Amino acid sequence: MSEIFKSSYRNIFILSLLVFLITAFFSTGCFHPDEHFQILEFCNFKLGQTPAADLPWEFHERIRPALQPALGYLIIKGLNIISIQNPFTYSLIFRILTAIFSWLVISKFCLLLIKEFSTEKARKIFIWMSLFLWFVPLLSVRFSSENYSALTLFSAVYLIIKFNDSPLYKNILQLIFAGMLLGFSFYFRFQMGLAILGIGLWLVIIGKMKWKNLSVLIVSGMLAITFCIYLDYWFYGSFELSPVNYFLANIIENKAADYGTDPWWYYFILFILKAVPPISIILLGFFLIGIYKKPRSIFVWILIPFLIGHFAIGHKELRFLFPMVFILIYLANIGIESYFAKQKLQRIGRYIFIFAAAINFIILASIMFTPAQDSINCYKFLYNNSSKNEMILLCKEKNVYDMVGIKTHFYESSKVKCVVLKDNVQISNYLKINKQRQIYLLERNFSSNNDFVGYHSKIVYSTFPKWISNFNFNNWMSRASVWKIVEIQKID
C-alpha cells in the first residue's frame, strides 16, 4: 500500500478513497436482491435468525456456495465480541471493508499498468477513469458475489503478472497465494471459471509459464476449492458440490431461463442504456479498439471466454458482466490513446468528451449520497423506533419485510408486529375493533388518504422530504413509489 501513497498520483488515489468511503456510508441496502438473499440471509440463517423455509429456492437446491455467507458470518461474530449487534452496522462494515479492498486492488493495478501508456496525460486519464467513472464506486462497495469474485481474480492476476515480469518477485509463495485466490474467485461466483480458463490458456500459450509453476497454481487452487467444499458442508449440513448442483439446475434443467431470455447481443443494448449515453457509447467504441490493439493481453484472454459463455446463456443481466468492469476501462483507455495517437481531437469531439465528463461527475455526485435500495432507510427507521417498545405496523397488501416475494429477516426488528390488510376499509375496521391508541401505517404512494374517524394522522417517515410536494409537475407524485410511515393516534 505504501507505493500508492508514495506515487506521484497519490492525491488522486486519496481523493478516490474518500469517494469510495462516502459511497460505502450512503449506498445502503442492496443493488440486486441476490446480494441480500443469497449472502446476508444465508449468513443470517447460520446465525439462527432466518428460518430455512424463508430462504430462496437456491438454498433448497443447494446451488449457492457458502464462502461469502461464511465470510459475513465470521465478521458478524467478530463484531458481536465488541458488543455490536445492529444489522445496519453489520452491512456498513461489510461495505467499508469492501470499499477499501476494491480501492486497493484498483489502485495497485493502475500503478502496474500505467507504463503501457506513453503520455502522462493518458496515464492520468486511465487512473481517473478507473476510480471515478460513475458506476465504479457504486459497484466497488457492494458486498456481492460479482464484486468479490472480481477482486480475488484480479488480485491473483496482479500476483501472476508481477511473477512473470519481475525476477525479484519470483517467490513461490506468490504463486501459491495466486492459485488460492483463483480458487476462491471461482467459489465466490462459479461463472468466473470462464475467466480462469482464459488465464490458464494465456499462461500456457502466451506467458509460456513452466509446468512446474503452473502446477503450483493448480494445486493451490484445488486446496482453496477443497476448503470451500468443507464450508458448503458446514453450511448445508451435508456433503454438497454446489458448482455441480448449480450446473445441473441452471444449465441442464435451464431454470435460469425462467427469469427470461434474450439474444446474445442484448448485453450491448443493456450497457449502452444503463451506463448512460454518451458515456456508454464512447466507452464501448474505444473498448473494441482496445481489444483489437491488445490481442495478446492477459485481460483480453480473460474477457473473451467470459463473454462467450455469457452470450451463450439465454438469461442475461448486466450485473453478470460487472466482474469485467476494470478490463472494460483498461481496454477503453488503450483504445483512446491508440486512436488519438493518429487522429487529432476535433472541436466537436472535444465538446462531446467534456459533456460526457460533466454528466459522469454529476451522476457520481448523486450516486455517492443515494441509497442503493429504496426500502432500507424505512427498515432502519422501524428498527430504531421499535428498540424499546413494540410497534404495530399496518401494511397494505403485503408485509413491509416482503422483498420480491421473499421475507427478509436480516433487517427485521422482533418488536415490529406487521398486520397485513387489503385497503383503508379494512384498516378502519381494524381500528374500530382493536381500539389502539397509537398505531403505524405503511404507505407506498404519495396521495393516499389516511384520515380515519376518531384518529389523527402524522407522517413520521418518508423516502422524500415534505417540501418536494411543492414541485408536483405533471402530477409525477401519483406515479412515484414511496416508502412512508404514518403515525395514527386516537383523538381523546
Protein backbone atom coordinates (compact mmCIF):
# COMPACT_ATOMS: atom_id res chain seq x y z
CA MET A 1 0.00 0.00 0.00
CA SER A 2 2.94 2.34 0.63
CA GLU A 3 3.67 2.60 -3.11
CA ILE A 4 0.19 4.07 -3.62
CA PHE A 5 0.81 6.91 -1.17
CA LYS A 6 4.37 7.45 -2.40
CA SER A 7 3.41 7.68 -6.07
CA SER A 8 3.11 10.98 -7.94
CA TYR A 9 -0.62 10.23 -8.27
CA ARG A 10 -1.22 9.93 -4.52
CA ASN A 11 -3.59 12.92 -4.41
CA ILE A 12 -5.85 11.23 -6.97
CA PHE A 13 -5.73 7.97 -5.00
CA ILE A 14 -6.50 9.69 -1.69
CA LEU A 15 -9.44 11.57 -3.23
CA SER A 16 -10.78 8.34 -4.73
CA LEU A 17 -10.51 6.56 -1.36
CA LEU A 18 -12.62 9.34 0.16
CA VAL A 19 -15.21 8.92 -2.63
CA PHE A 20 -15.30 5.14 -2.09
CA LEU A 21 -15.78 5.55 1.68
CA ILE A 22 -18.52 8.17 1.29
CA THR A 23 -20.30 5.88 -1.16
CA ALA A 24 -19.93 2.96 1.25
CA PHE A 25 -21.56 5.02 4.00
CA PHE A 26 -24.55 6.23 1.99
CA SER A 27 -25.09 3.37 -0.50
CA THR A 28 -27.21 1.43 1.95
CA GLY A 29 -29.11 -1.72 1.06
CA CYS A 30 -28.54 -4.00 -1.89
CA PHE A 31 -28.06 -3.27 -5.58
CA HIS A 32 -29.82 -6.53 -6.51
CA PRO A 33 -31.93 -8.91 -4.36
CA ASP A 34 -29.34 -11.70 -4.80
CA GLU A 35 -26.85 -9.54 -2.91
CA HIS A 36 -29.24 -9.64 0.03
CA PHE A 37 -30.99 -13.00 -0.05
CA GLN A 38 -28.10 -15.22 -1.12
CA ILE A 39 -25.49 -13.65 1.11
CA LEU A 40 -26.97 -11.72 4.05
CA GLU A 41 -29.96 -14.01 4.59
CA PHE A 42 -27.77 -17.10 4.16
CA CYS A 43 -25.43 -15.62 6.75
CA ASN A 44 -28.40 -14.84 8.99
CA PHE A 45 -29.56 -18.44 8.64
CA LYS A 46 -26.30 -19.69 10.17
CA LEU A 47 -26.71 -17.11 12.93
CA GLY A 48 -30.06 -18.73 13.74
CA GLN A 49 -32.15 -15.70 12.74
CA THR A 50 -33.61 -16.69 9.34
CA PRO A 51 -35.74 -19.87 9.07
CA ALA A 52 -34.73 -22.20 6.24
CA ALA A 53 -38.33 -22.11 4.99
CA ASP A 54 -37.96 -18.39 4.24
CA LEU A 55 -34.79 -18.76 2.17
CA PRO A 56 -34.95 -18.61 -1.66
CA TRP A 57 -35.15 -21.71 -3.83
CA GLU A 58 -31.39 -21.67 -4.45
CA PHE A 59 -30.83 -22.73 -0.84
CA HIS A 60 -33.08 -25.77 -1.14
CA GLU A 61 -31.43 -26.74 -4.45
CA ARG A 62 -28.00 -26.39 -2.75
CA ILE A 63 -26.65 -24.35 -5.68
CA ARG A 64 -25.10 -21.41 -3.81
CA PRO A 65 -21.59 -21.59 -2.34
CA ALA A 66 -21.14 -20.89 1.36
CA LEU A 67 -17.88 -18.95 1.02
CA GLN A 68 -19.29 -15.42 1.15
CA PRO A 69 -22.00 -16.12 3.74
CA ALA A 70 -19.23 -17.70 5.85
CA LEU A 71 -17.13 -14.56 5.47
CA GLY A 72 -20.08 -12.43 6.59
CA TYR A 73 -20.74 -14.83 9.48
CA LEU A 74 -17.12 -14.52 10.63
CA ILE A 75 -17.21 -10.70 10.52
CA ILE A 76 -20.50 -10.56 12.44
CA LYS A 77 -19.20 -12.93 15.11
CA GLY A 78 -16.18 -10.67 15.48
CA LEU A 79 -18.41 -7.60 15.81
CA ASN A 80 -20.53 -9.39 18.41
CA ILE A 81 -17.43 -9.79 20.57
CA ILE A 82 -17.22 -5.99 20.85
CA SER A 83 -20.98 -5.77 21.55
CA ILE A 84 -22.10 -4.64 18.08
CA GLN A 85 -25.50 -6.24 17.41
CA ASN A 86 -27.06 -3.87 14.87
CA PRO A 87 -27.68 -5.36 11.37
CA PHE A 88 -27.29 -1.93 9.76
CA THR A 89 -23.86 -1.62 11.35
CA TYR A 90 -23.00 -5.10 10.05
CA SER A 91 -23.83 -4.13 6.47
CA LEU A 92 -22.00 -0.79 6.84
CA ILE A 93 -18.85 -2.63 7.96
CA PHE A 94 -19.23 -5.02 5.00
CA ARG A 95 -19.37 -2.07 2.60
CA ILE A 96 -16.46 -0.20 4.20
CA LEU A 97 -14.20 -3.27 4.14
CA THR A 98 -15.25 -3.97 0.55
CA ALA A 99 -14.62 -0.35 -0.48
CA ILE A 100 -11.07 -0.46 0.93
CA PHE A 101 -10.37 -3.83 -0.70
CA SER A 102 -11.70 -2.60 -4.07
CA TRP A 103 -9.79 0.67 -3.88
CA LEU A 104 -6.56 -1.15 -3.04
CA VAL A 105 -6.87 -3.62 -5.94
CA ILE A 106 -7.79 -0.93 -8.50
CA SER A 107 -5.05 1.44 -7.30
CA LYS A 108 -2.37 -1.26 -7.39
CA PHE A 109 -3.41 -2.24 -10.90
CA CYS A 110 -3.36 1.39 -12.04
CA LEU A 111 0.26 1.70 -10.90
CA LEU A 112 1.12 -1.63 -12.52
CA LEU A 113 -0.39 -0.76 -15.90
CA ILE A 114 0.40 2.94 -16.36
CA LYS A 115 3.66 2.00 -18.05
CA GLU A 116 1.57 0.81 -21.00
CA PHE A 117 0.51 4.41 -21.70
CA SER A 118 3.06 6.58 -23.49
CA THR A 119 2.00 10.03 -22.25
CA GLU A 120 1.41 11.48 -18.81
CA LYS A 121 -2.00 12.74 -19.94
CA ALA A 122 -3.05 9.21 -20.96
CA ARG A 123 -1.84 7.82 -17.62
CA LYS A 124 -3.89 10.33 -15.64
CA ILE A 125 -6.99 9.73 -17.75
CA PHE A 126 -6.62 5.98 -17.14
CA ILE A 127 -6.32 6.44 -13.36
CA TRP A 128 -9.21 8.90 -13.21
CA MET A 129 -11.50 6.66 -15.25
CA SER A 130 -10.53 3.55 -13.27
CA LEU A 131 -11.53 5.21 -10.00
CA PHE A 132 -14.07 7.93 -10.83
CA LEU A 133 -16.21 6.54 -13.66
CA TRP A 134 -19.65 6.99 -12.12
CA PHE A 135 -20.51 3.32 -11.64
CA VAL A 136 -17.09 2.28 -10.27
CA PRO A 137 -17.57 3.49 -6.65
CA LEU A 138 -21.16 2.18 -6.64
CA LEU A 139 -20.12 -1.33 -7.68
CA SER A 140 -16.89 -1.27 -5.66
CA VAL A 141 -18.66 -1.03 -2.28
CA ARG A 142 -21.06 -3.91 -2.92
CA PHE A 143 -20.73 -6.98 -0.70
CA SER A 144 -21.78 -9.08 -3.69
CA SER A 145 -20.56 -12.23 -5.40
CA GLU A 146 -19.85 -10.25 -8.59
CA ASN A 147 -17.55 -7.90 -6.71
CA TYR A 148 -15.70 -10.42 -4.55
CA SER A 149 -15.17 -12.84 -7.42
CA ALA A 150 -13.62 -9.98 -9.41
CA LEU A 151 -11.47 -8.73 -6.52
CA THR A 152 -9.99 -12.15 -5.82
CA LEU A 153 -9.50 -12.87 -9.54
CA PHE A 154 -7.67 -9.59 -10.20
CA SER A 155 -5.61 -9.94 -7.03
CA ALA A 156 -4.44 -13.29 -8.42
CA VAL A 157 -3.76 -11.77 -11.86
CA TYR A 158 -1.73 -9.00 -10.23
CA LEU A 159 0.48 -11.55 -8.48
CA ILE A 160 0.85 -13.60 -11.68
CA ILE A 161 1.86 -10.55 -13.75
CA LYS A 162 4.38 -9.48 -11.10
CA PHE A 163 5.76 -13.03 -11.01
CA ASN A 164 6.16 -13.11 -14.80
CA ASP A 165 7.57 -9.59 -15.20
CA SER A 166 9.99 -9.21 -12.31
CA PRO A 167 12.81 -11.63 -11.43
CA LEU A 168 12.85 -10.09 -7.95
CA TYR A 169 9.28 -11.19 -7.44
CA LYS A 170 9.73 -14.86 -8.27
CA ASN A 171 8.64 -16.19 -4.92
CA ILE A 172 6.78 -19.48 -4.99
CA LEU A 173 4.57 -18.25 -2.15
CA GLN A 174 3.17 -15.61 -4.51
CA LEU A 175 2.03 -18.35 -6.90
CA ILE A 176 0.51 -20.35 -4.06
CA PHE A 177 -1.43 -17.30 -2.92
CA ALA A 178 -2.48 -16.51 -6.51
CA GLY A 179 -3.75 -20.05 -7.03
CA MET A 180 -5.77 -19.93 -3.82
CA LEU A 181 -7.27 -16.59 -4.86
CA LEU A 182 -8.34 -18.11 -8.18
CA GLY A 183 -10.00 -20.98 -6.32
CA PHE A 184 -11.83 -18.53 -4.06
CA SER A 185 -12.83 -16.43 -7.07
CA PHE A 186 -14.48 -19.48 -8.60
CA TYR A 187 -16.37 -20.19 -5.38
CA PHE A 188 -17.48 -16.60 -4.95
CA ARG A 189 -19.08 -16.88 -8.39
CA PHE A 190 -18.96 -20.03 -10.48
CA GLN A 191 -19.10 -18.17 -13.79
CA MET A 192 -15.58 -16.94 -13.06
CA GLY A 193 -14.45 -20.38 -14.16
CA LEU A 194 -14.66 -18.99 -17.71
CA ALA A 195 -12.25 -16.17 -16.82
CA ILE A 196 -9.93 -18.60 -15.02
CA LEU A 197 -9.91 -20.77 -18.16
CA GLY A 198 -8.74 -17.70 -20.08
CA ILE A 199 -5.93 -17.13 -17.57
CA GLY A 200 -4.81 -20.75 -17.93
CA LEU A 201 -4.76 -20.55 -21.73
CA TRP A 202 -2.81 -17.29 -21.63
CA LEU A 203 -0.24 -18.74 -19.21
CA VAL A 204 0.36 -21.74 -21.48
CA ILE A 205 0.20 -20.08 -24.91
CA ILE A 206 1.39 -16.51 -24.35
CA GLY A 207 3.01 -16.42 -20.91
CA LYS A 208 4.92 -19.67 -21.51
CA MET A 209 4.77 -20.46 -17.80
CA LYS A 210 6.76 -23.51 -16.77
CA TRP A 211 4.62 -26.53 -15.97
CA LYS A 212 6.20 -26.66 -12.53
CA ASN A 213 4.89 -23.18 -11.75
CA LEU A 214 1.57 -23.89 -13.42
CA SER A 215 1.14 -26.98 -11.26
CA VAL A 216 1.69 -24.83 -8.15
CA LEU A 217 -1.21 -22.60 -9.26
CA ILE A 218 -3.43 -25.60 -9.94
CA VAL A 219 -2.68 -27.43 -6.69
CA SER A 220 -3.11 -24.32 -4.53
CA GLY A 221 -6.35 -23.53 -6.37
CA MET A 222 -7.63 -27.03 -5.67
CA LEU A 223 -6.73 -26.63 -1.99
CA ALA A 224 -8.85 -23.48 -1.86
CA ILE A 225 -11.72 -25.31 -3.57
CA THR A 226 -11.41 -28.18 -1.08
CA PHE A 227 -11.73 -25.67 1.75
CA CYS A 228 -14.82 -24.19 0.07
CA ILE A 229 -16.37 -27.67 -0.23
CA TYR A 230 -15.89 -28.02 3.52
CA LEU A 231 -17.63 -24.66 4.02
CA ASP A 232 -20.56 -25.93 1.95
CA TYR A 233 -20.74 -28.97 4.24
CA TRP A 234 -20.68 -26.64 7.29
CA PHE A 235 -23.44 -24.51 5.80
CA TYR A 236 -25.81 -27.12 4.35
CA GLY A 237 -25.18 -29.84 6.92
CA SER A 238 -24.39 -32.41 4.24
CA PHE A 239 -21.75 -33.04 1.61
CA GLU A 240 -22.58 -30.91 -1.42
CA LEU A 241 -20.82 -30.00 -4.65
CA SER A 242 -22.53 -26.66 -5.18
CA PRO A 243 -20.85 -26.00 -8.58
CA VAL A 244 -22.26 -29.29 -9.89
CA ASN A 245 -25.68 -28.54 -8.38
CA TYR A 246 -25.58 -25.09 -9.97
CA PHE A 247 -24.70 -26.50 -13.39
CA LEU A 248 -27.46 -29.11 -13.23
CA ALA A 249 -30.12 -26.62 -12.09
CA ASN A 250 -29.33 -23.59 -14.25
CA ILE A 251 -27.73 -25.12 -17.34
CA ILE A 252 -29.08 -28.67 -17.72
CA GLU A 253 -32.55 -28.03 -16.25
CA ASN A 254 -32.37 -24.45 -17.59
CA LYS A 255 -34.05 -22.91 -14.53
CA ALA A 256 -32.27 -19.60 -15.17
CA ALA A 257 -34.38 -19.25 -18.32
CA ASP A 258 -37.48 -18.92 -16.11
CA TYR A 259 -36.35 -15.35 -15.46
CA GLY A 260 -36.38 -14.51 -19.18
CA THR A 261 -34.07 -15.00 -22.16
CA ASP A 262 -32.55 -12.59 -24.65
CA PRO A 263 -30.32 -12.78 -27.77
CA TRP A 264 -26.53 -12.68 -27.41
CA TRP A 265 -26.25 -9.04 -28.49
CA TYR A 266 -28.65 -7.85 -25.77
CA TYR A 267 -25.72 -7.12 -23.45
CA PHE A 268 -24.62 -4.32 -25.79
CA ILE A 269 -28.08 -2.73 -25.62
CA LEU A 270 -28.14 -3.08 -21.83
CA PHE A 271 -24.73 -1.48 -21.46
CA ILE A 272 -25.47 1.45 -23.77
CA LEU A 273 -28.70 2.23 -21.91
CA LYS A 274 -27.62 1.55 -18.33
CA ALA A 275 -24.12 3.07 -18.43
CA VAL A 276 -25.68 6.33 -19.74
CA PRO A 277 -25.02 7.72 -23.24
CA PRO A 278 -22.79 9.31 -24.41
CA ILE A 279 -20.50 7.81 -21.74
CA SER A 280 -21.50 4.25 -22.62
CA ILE A 281 -21.13 4.75 -26.38
CA ILE A 282 -17.68 6.32 -26.00
CA LEU A 283 -16.54 3.50 -23.69
CA LEU A 284 -17.88 0.74 -25.92
CA GLY A 285 -16.33 2.15 -29.10
CA PHE A 286 -12.85 2.59 -27.64
CA PHE A 287 -13.14 -0.72 -25.76
CA LEU A 288 -13.50 -2.55 -29.09
CA ILE A 289 -10.46 -0.69 -30.44
CA GLY A 290 -8.55 -1.69 -27.30
CA ILE A 291 -9.33 -5.39 -27.87
CA TYR A 292 -8.03 -5.07 -31.44
CA LYS A 293 -4.84 -3.37 -30.25
CA LYS A 294 -4.07 -5.79 -27.40
CA PRO A 295 -4.93 -9.32 -28.61
CA ARG A 296 -2.10 -10.86 -26.57
CA SER A 297 -3.02 -9.12 -23.29
CA ILE A 298 -3.96 -11.39 -20.40
CA PHE A 299 -7.02 -9.18 -19.89
CA VAL A 300 -8.33 -9.93 -23.38
CA TRP A 301 -7.79 -13.64 -22.77
CA ILE A 302 -9.73 -13.36 -19.51
CA LEU A 303 -12.51 -11.40 -21.17
CA ILE A 304 -13.21 -13.38 -24.35
CA PRO A 305 -14.20 -16.78 -22.83
CA PHE A 306 -16.13 -14.93 -20.12
CA LEU A 307 -18.14 -13.01 -22.72
CA ILE A 308 -18.67 -16.02 -24.99
CA GLY A 309 -20.05 -18.03 -22.08
CA HIS A 310 -22.43 -15.27 -21.05
CA PHE A 311 -23.52 -14.60 -24.64
CA ALA A 312 -24.39 -18.30 -24.97
CA ILE A 313 -26.60 -18.38 -21.84
CA GLY A 314 -30.14 -17.18 -22.56
CA HIS A 315 -30.82 -15.32 -19.31
CA LYS A 316 -28.98 -12.01 -19.31
CA GLU A 317 -28.50 -9.35 -16.66
CA LEU A 318 -25.92 -6.58 -16.90
CA ARG A 319 -24.66 -7.39 -13.38
CA PHE A 320 -23.33 -10.71 -14.71
CA LEU A 321 -20.66 -8.67 -16.53
CA PHE A 322 -19.76 -6.46 -13.55
CA PRO A 323 -16.61 -8.50 -12.79
CA MET A 324 -15.17 -7.28 -16.10
CA VAL A 325 -15.60 -3.54 -15.43
CA PHE A 326 -11.89 -2.92 -14.82
CA ILE A 327 -10.97 -4.68 -18.06
CA LEU A 328 -13.55 -2.56 -19.91
CA ILE A 329 -11.96 0.64 -18.57
CA TYR A 330 -8.39 -0.52 -19.21
CA LEU A 331 -9.06 -1.55 -22.82
CA ALA A 332 -11.14 1.58 -23.48
CA ASN A 333 -8.14 3.67 -22.39
CA ILE A 334 -5.84 1.64 -24.61
CA GLY A 335 -8.26 2.38 -27.46
CA ILE A 336 -8.41 6.09 -26.63
CA GLU A 337 -4.63 6.53 -26.65
CA SER A 338 -4.21 4.42 -29.78
CA TYR A 339 -6.90 6.29 -31.70
CA PHE A 340 -5.75 9.79 -30.79
CA ALA A 341 -2.12 8.96 -31.49
CA LYS A 342 -3.16 9.03 -35.16
CA GLN A 343 -6.19 11.33 -35.07
CA LYS A 344 -6.32 14.85 -33.73
CA LEU A 345 -9.31 15.50 -31.49
CA GLN A 346 -11.64 17.81 -33.39
CA ARG A 347 -13.62 20.58 -31.70
CA ILE A 348 -16.90 18.63 -31.83
CA GLY A 349 -15.15 15.61 -30.31
CA ARG A 350 -13.71 17.77 -27.54
CA TYR A 351 -17.19 19.08 -26.74
CA ILE A 352 -18.58 15.53 -26.62
CA PHE A 353 -15.84 14.41 -24.21
CA ILE A 354 -16.38 17.45 -21.98
CA PHE A 355 -20.14 16.84 -22.00
CA ALA A 356 -19.62 13.15 -21.12
CA ALA A 357 -17.21 14.06 -18.30
CA ALA A 358 -19.69 16.59 -16.90
CA ILE A 359 -22.52 14.03 -16.96
CA ASN A 360 -20.24 11.48 -15.30
CA PHE A 361 -19.39 13.71 -12.34
CA ILE A 362 -22.99 14.87 -11.90
CA ILE A 363 -24.14 11.24 -11.70
CA LEU A 364 -21.20 10.32 -9.46
CA ALA A 365 -22.04 13.14 -7.04
CA SER A 366 -25.61 11.85 -6.86
CA ILE A 367 -24.67 8.16 -6.57
CA MET A 368 -22.29 8.85 -3.68
CA PHE A 369 -25.14 10.00 -1.43
CA THR A 370 -28.01 7.82 -2.66
CA PRO A 371 -29.18 4.55 -1.04
CA ALA A 372 -28.86 1.54 -3.32
CA GLN A 373 -32.24 0.28 -2.07
CA ASP A 374 -35.37 2.41 -1.52
CA SER A 375 -36.70 0.42 1.43
CA ILE A 376 -33.55 0.26 3.52
CA ASN A 377 -33.95 3.55 5.39
CA CYS A 378 -37.55 2.61 6.17
CA TYR A 379 -36.26 -0.62 7.72
CA LYS A 380 -33.74 1.40 9.70
CA PHE A 381 -36.48 3.74 10.98
CA LEU A 382 -38.57 0.77 12.11
CA TYR A 383 -35.59 -0.90 13.78
CA ASN A 384 -34.52 2.23 15.68
CA ASN A 385 -38.03 3.28 16.73
CA SER A 386 -39.03 -0.15 18.00
CA SER A 387 -35.94 -0.70 20.13
CA LYS A 388 -37.81 -0.04 23.41
CA ASN A 389 -41.49 -0.66 22.74
CA GLU A 390 -43.45 -2.95 20.44
CA MET A 391 -44.64 -1.24 17.28
CA ILE A 392 -47.78 -2.37 15.45
CA LEU A 393 -47.46 -1.63 11.74
CA LEU A 394 -50.41 -1.91 9.38
CA CYS A 395 -49.32 -2.86 5.86
CA LYS A 396 -51.44 -2.72 2.75
CA GLU A 397 -51.48 -5.93 0.68
CA LYS A 398 -48.03 -7.22 1.73
CA ASN A 399 -45.66 -7.29 4.69
CA VAL A 400 -43.16 -4.44 4.91
CA TYR A 401 -40.36 -7.01 5.05
CA ASP A 402 -41.51 -8.69 1.85
CA MET A 403 -38.84 -8.16 -0.82
CA VAL A 404 -39.51 -9.64 -4.29
CA GLY A 405 -41.92 -12.14 -2.74
CA ILE A 406 -39.48 -13.35 -0.07
CA LYS A 407 -39.40 -12.22 3.53
CA THR A 408 -36.23 -10.57 4.79
CA HIS A 409 -35.18 -11.32 8.36
CA PHE A 410 -31.74 -9.72 8.36
CA TYR A 411 -33.06 -6.19 8.94
CA GLU A 412 -36.26 -7.22 10.71
CA SER A 413 -36.97 -5.94 14.21
CA SER A 414 -38.52 -8.54 16.50
CA LYS A 415 -40.57 -5.75 18.10
CA VAL A 416 -42.34 -4.73 14.88
CA LYS A 417 -45.64 -6.60 14.56
CA CYS A 418 -46.92 -6.40 10.98
CA VAL A 419 -50.63 -6.70 10.23
CA VAL A 420 -51.40 -7.05 6.52
CA LEU A 421 -54.72 -5.55 5.40
CA LYS A 422 -56.21 -5.02 1.96
CA ASP A 423 -57.31 -1.37 1.96
CA ASN A 424 -58.49 1.60 4.05
CA VAL A 425 -61.85 -0.06 4.71
CA GLN A 426 -60.14 -2.98 6.43
CA ILE A 427 -57.85 -0.57 8.26
CA SER A 428 -60.88 1.37 9.58
CA ASN A 429 -62.49 -1.88 10.75
CA TYR A 430 -59.25 -2.94 12.43
CA LEU A 431 -59.05 0.37 14.32
CA LYS A 432 -62.70 0.10 15.45
CA ILE A 433 -62.26 -3.44 16.72
CA ASN A 434 -58.84 -3.11 18.39
CA LYS A 435 -59.17 0.49 19.62
CA GLN A 436 -55.40 1.05 19.54
CA ARG A 437 -54.31 4.41 20.98
CA GLN A 438 -51.25 4.53 18.73
CA ILE A 439 -50.50 2.54 15.63
CA TYR A 440 -48.42 2.92 12.48
CA LEU A 441 -49.34 2.55 8.82
CA LEU A 442 -47.05 1.80 5.87
CA GLU A 443 -47.98 3.67 2.68
CA ARG A 444 -46.43 3.15 -0.75
CA ASN A 445 -47.71 6.25 -2.57
CA PHE A 446 -47.84 10.00 -2.02
CA SER A 447 -51.52 10.72 -2.39
CA SER A 448 -53.13 8.17 -0.07
CA ASN A 449 -55.95 9.37 2.18
CA ASN A 450 -55.06 8.46 5.78
CA ASP A 451 -57.95 10.17 7.57
CA PHE A 452 -59.71 7.71 9.87
CA VAL A 453 -62.66 8.60 12.11
CA GLY A 454 -61.52 9.31 15.67
CA TYR A 455 -57.81 9.29 14.76
CA HIS A 456 -55.18 11.90 13.92
CA SER A 457 -52.57 11.05 11.26
CA LYS A 458 -49.00 12.32 11.01
CA ILE A 459 -46.19 11.32 8.62
CA VAL A 460 -43.16 10.30 10.69
CA TYR A 461 -41.01 8.84 7.91
CA SER A 462 -40.92 9.31 4.15
CA THR A 463 -38.48 8.49 1.37
CA PHE A 464 -38.95 12.03 0.08
CA PRO A 465 -38.92 15.27 2.12
CA LYS A 466 -42.23 17.08 2.64
CA TRP A 467 -41.23 20.12 0.57
CA ILE A 468 -40.94 18.02 -2.60
CA SER A 469 -44.76 18.07 -2.85
CA ASN A 470 -44.47 21.72 -3.92
CA PHE A 471 -42.91 20.54 -7.19
CA ASN A 472 -45.52 18.05 -8.38
CA PHE A 473 -45.04 18.84 -12.06
CA ASN A 474 -47.23 16.82 -14.43
CA ASN A 475 -48.58 15.04 -11.32
CA TRP A 476 -45.45 12.85 -11.13
CA MET A 477 -46.12 12.10 -7.46
CA SER A 478 -49.17 10.00 -8.34
CA ARG A 479 -46.88 7.64 -10.27
CA ALA A 480 -43.90 7.63 -7.91
CA SER A 481 -43.08 4.86 -5.48
CA VAL A 482 -42.51 5.97 -1.91
CA TRP A 483 -41.93 4.40 1.49
CA LYS A 484 -43.96 6.35 4.04
CA ILE A 485 -44.73 5.59 7.69
CA VAL A 486 -47.82 7.30 9.10
CA GLU A 487 -48.37 7.54 12.86
CA ILE A 488 -52.07 7.17 13.71
CA GLN A 489 -53.11 8.36 17.19
CA LYS A 490 -56.53 8.14 18.80
CA ILE A 491 -58.18 11.50 19.49
CA ASP A 492 -59.29 11.75 23.13
